[in-house]
Amino acid sequence: VQLQASGGGLAQSGGSLRLSCAALGFSLNDFRIGWFRQAPGKEREGVSCTSDSASRPHYADSVKGRFTISRDSAENTVYLQMDSLKPEDTAVYYCAAVRSRTYSGSYYLSSCFKVGYDVWGQGTQVTVSS
């Protein structure tokens, strides 16, 4: 089982990118999904997470109002739409999945940047120029 992250690239400040996280070998319907990022010289930080298609997702304060996480069950893919990009969004972005039965939905959304994950994607580079 693996996650395949894609969609990164170069964008100008104020621009947009959409990242994809495709699940290979398992159904994302059975998993809770988080997006993380790591900038050079900095620790990895949580960006957004989705418990399931019915629950309100969670966002880091730094991206709230600019990024949108969504699920497409038919495509078995989770997306991260990134709008109004800033140079400080430059980082390698990773998606991660944890089995839904591991944590309750409410606990997961309150702690999704700190819990353990079962599967990690390989990362996709996002670079925002000023």
Protein backbone atom coordinates (compact mmCIF):
# COMPACT_ATOMS: atom_id res chain seq x y z
CA VAL A 1 0.00 0.00 0.00
CA GLN A 2 1.24 3.47 -0.77
CA LEU A 3 0.28 7.09 -1.19
CA GLN A 4 1.33 9.03 -4.25
CA ALA A 5 1.53 12.79 -3.81
CA SER A 6 1.71 15.02 -6.88
CA GLY A 7 0.84 18.45 -8.18
CA GLY A 8 3.64 20.49 -6.73
CA GLY A 9 5.58 23.02 -8.74
CA LEU A 10 6.47 26.66 -9.02
CA ALA A 11 3.86 29.36 -8.44
CA GLN A 12 3.94 33.09 -8.04
CA SER A 13 2.83 34.79 -4.87
CA GLY A 14 -0.95 35.02 -4.96
CA GLY A 15 -1.21 32.05 -7.30
CA SER A 16 -2.72 28.61 -6.87
CA LEU A 17 -1.73 24.97 -6.98
CA ARG A 18 -3.68 21.78 -6.36
CA LEU A 19 -1.95 18.86 -4.75
CA SER A 20 -3.22 15.30 -5.14
CA CYS A 21 -2.76 12.34 -2.83
CA ALA A 22 -3.73 9.10 -4.55
CA ALA A 23 -4.06 5.85 -2.62
CA LEU A 24 -2.66 2.77 -4.30
CA GLY A 25 -3.71 -0.62 -3.02
CA PHE A 26 -6.28 0.50 -0.46
CA SER A 27 -9.41 2.60 -0.13
CA LEU A 28 -9.10 6.07 1.34
CA ASN A 29 -12.67 5.68 2.59
CA ASP A 30 -11.26 3.59 5.43
CA PHE A 31 -8.62 6.14 6.38
CA ARG A 32 -8.24 9.58 7.86
CA ILE A 33 -5.89 11.82 5.87
CA GLY A 34 -3.50 14.58 6.77
CA TRP A 35 -1.35 16.98 4.77
CA PHE A 36 1.96 18.13 6.19
CA ARG A 37 4.84 20.25 4.95
CA GLN A 38 8.49 20.75 5.72
CA ALA A 39 10.46 23.79 4.70
CA PRO A 40 14.28 23.77 4.53
CA GLY A 41 15.77 23.98 7.98
CA LYS A 42 12.40 23.72 9.70
CA GLU A 43 10.45 20.98 11.39
CA ARG A 44 7.56 19.29 9.67
CA GLU A 45 4.24 20.97 10.40
CA GLY A 46 0.62 20.03 9.92
CA VAL A 47 -1.31 21.82 7.21
CA SER A 48 -4.76 20.22 7.05
CA CYS A 49 -6.58 16.99 7.79
CA THR A 50 -9.85 15.30 6.93
CA SER A 51 -11.52 12.70 9.06
CA ASP A 52 -14.17 11.62 6.58
CA SER A 53 -16.30 13.15 3.89
CA ALA A 54 -19.01 14.20 6.33
CA SER A 55 -16.91 15.99 8.95
CA ARG A 56 -15.54 19.50 8.81
CA PRO A 57 -11.82 19.39 8.08
CA HIS A 58 -9.13 20.99 10.19
CA TYR A 59 -6.62 23.60 9.06
CA ALA A 60 -3.53 25.16 10.51
CA ASP A 61 -4.02 28.85 11.27
CA SER A 62 -1.35 29.73 8.72
CA VAL A 63 -3.41 28.33 5.83
CA LYS A 64 -6.97 28.82 7.04
CA GLY A 65 -9.07 30.57 4.43
CA ARG A 66 -6.52 29.89 1.69
CA PHE A 67 -6.26 26.09 1.50
CA THR A 68 -9.06 23.59 1.03
CA ILE A 69 -8.85 19.85 1.58
CA SER A 70 -11.30 17.54 -0.16
CA ARG A 71 -11.92 13.88 -0.89
CA ASP A 72 -12.93 12.20 -4.14
CA SER A 73 -14.01 8.65 -3.38
CA ALA A 74 -14.40 7.76 -7.04
CA GLU A 75 -10.81 8.77 -7.72
CA ASN A 76 -9.59 7.41 -4.35
CA THR A 77 -7.76 10.68 -3.98
CA VAL A 78 -7.53 13.52 -1.48
CA TYR A 79 -6.80 16.99 -2.79
CA LEU A 80 -5.29 20.10 -1.26
CA GLN A 81 -6.33 23.22 -3.15
CA MET A 82 -3.91 25.99 -2.32
CA ASP A 83 -4.93 29.55 -3.20
CA SER A 84 -3.42 32.94 -2.41
CA LEU A 85 -0.04 31.30 -2.08
CA LYS A 86 2.72 33.05 -0.16
CA PRO A 87 6.49 32.59 -0.30
CA GLU A 88 6.32 31.12 3.21
CA ASP A 89 4.24 28.25 1.80
CA THR A 90 7.37 26.99 0.06
CA ALA A 91 8.04 23.47 1.34
CA VAL A 92 7.88 19.80 0.51
CA TYR A 93 4.31 18.69 1.06
CA TYR A 94 3.43 15.21 2.28
CA CYS A 95 0.16 13.37 2.67
CA ALA A 96 -0.36 10.67 5.26
CA ALA A 97 -3.10 8.17 6.09
CA VAL A 98 -4.18 6.45 9.29
CA ARG A 99 -6.84 3.76 9.56
CA SER A 100 -10.15 5.23 10.64
CA ARG A 101 -10.58 2.62 13.38
CA THR A 102 -7.40 3.81 15.09
CA TYR A 103 -8.86 7.09 16.32
CA SER A 104 -12.37 8.41 16.70
CA GLY A 105 -13.27 11.15 14.28
CA SER A 106 -13.52 13.84 16.92
CA TYR A 107 -10.22 12.90 18.56
CA TYR A 108 -8.49 12.73 15.20
CA LEU A 109 -9.61 16.21 14.15
CA SER A 110 -8.50 17.66 17.49
CA SER A 111 -5.07 16.01 17.29
CA CYS A 112 -4.45 15.21 13.64
CA PHE A 113 -1.11 17.03 13.49
CA LYS A 114 0.24 14.97 16.40
CA VAL A 115 -1.10 11.43 15.94
CA GLY A 116 0.77 8.59 14.30
CA TYR A 117 0.10 7.66 10.69
CA ASP A 118 0.24 4.29 8.95
CA VAL A 119 1.28 5.41 5.48
CA TRP A 120 3.18 8.43 4.15
CA GLY A 121 3.47 9.71 0.61
CA GLN A 122 6.81 10.58 -0.94
CA GLY A 123 6.37 14.34 -0.89
CA THR A 124 5.93 16.95 -3.60
CA GLN A 125 7.86 20.23 -3.78
CA VAL A 126 5.97 23.52 -3.75
CA THR A 127 7.91 26.69 -4.44
CA VAL A 128 6.28 30.11 -4.28
CA SER A 129 8.18 33.06 -5.69
CA SER A 130 7.63 36.62 -4.48
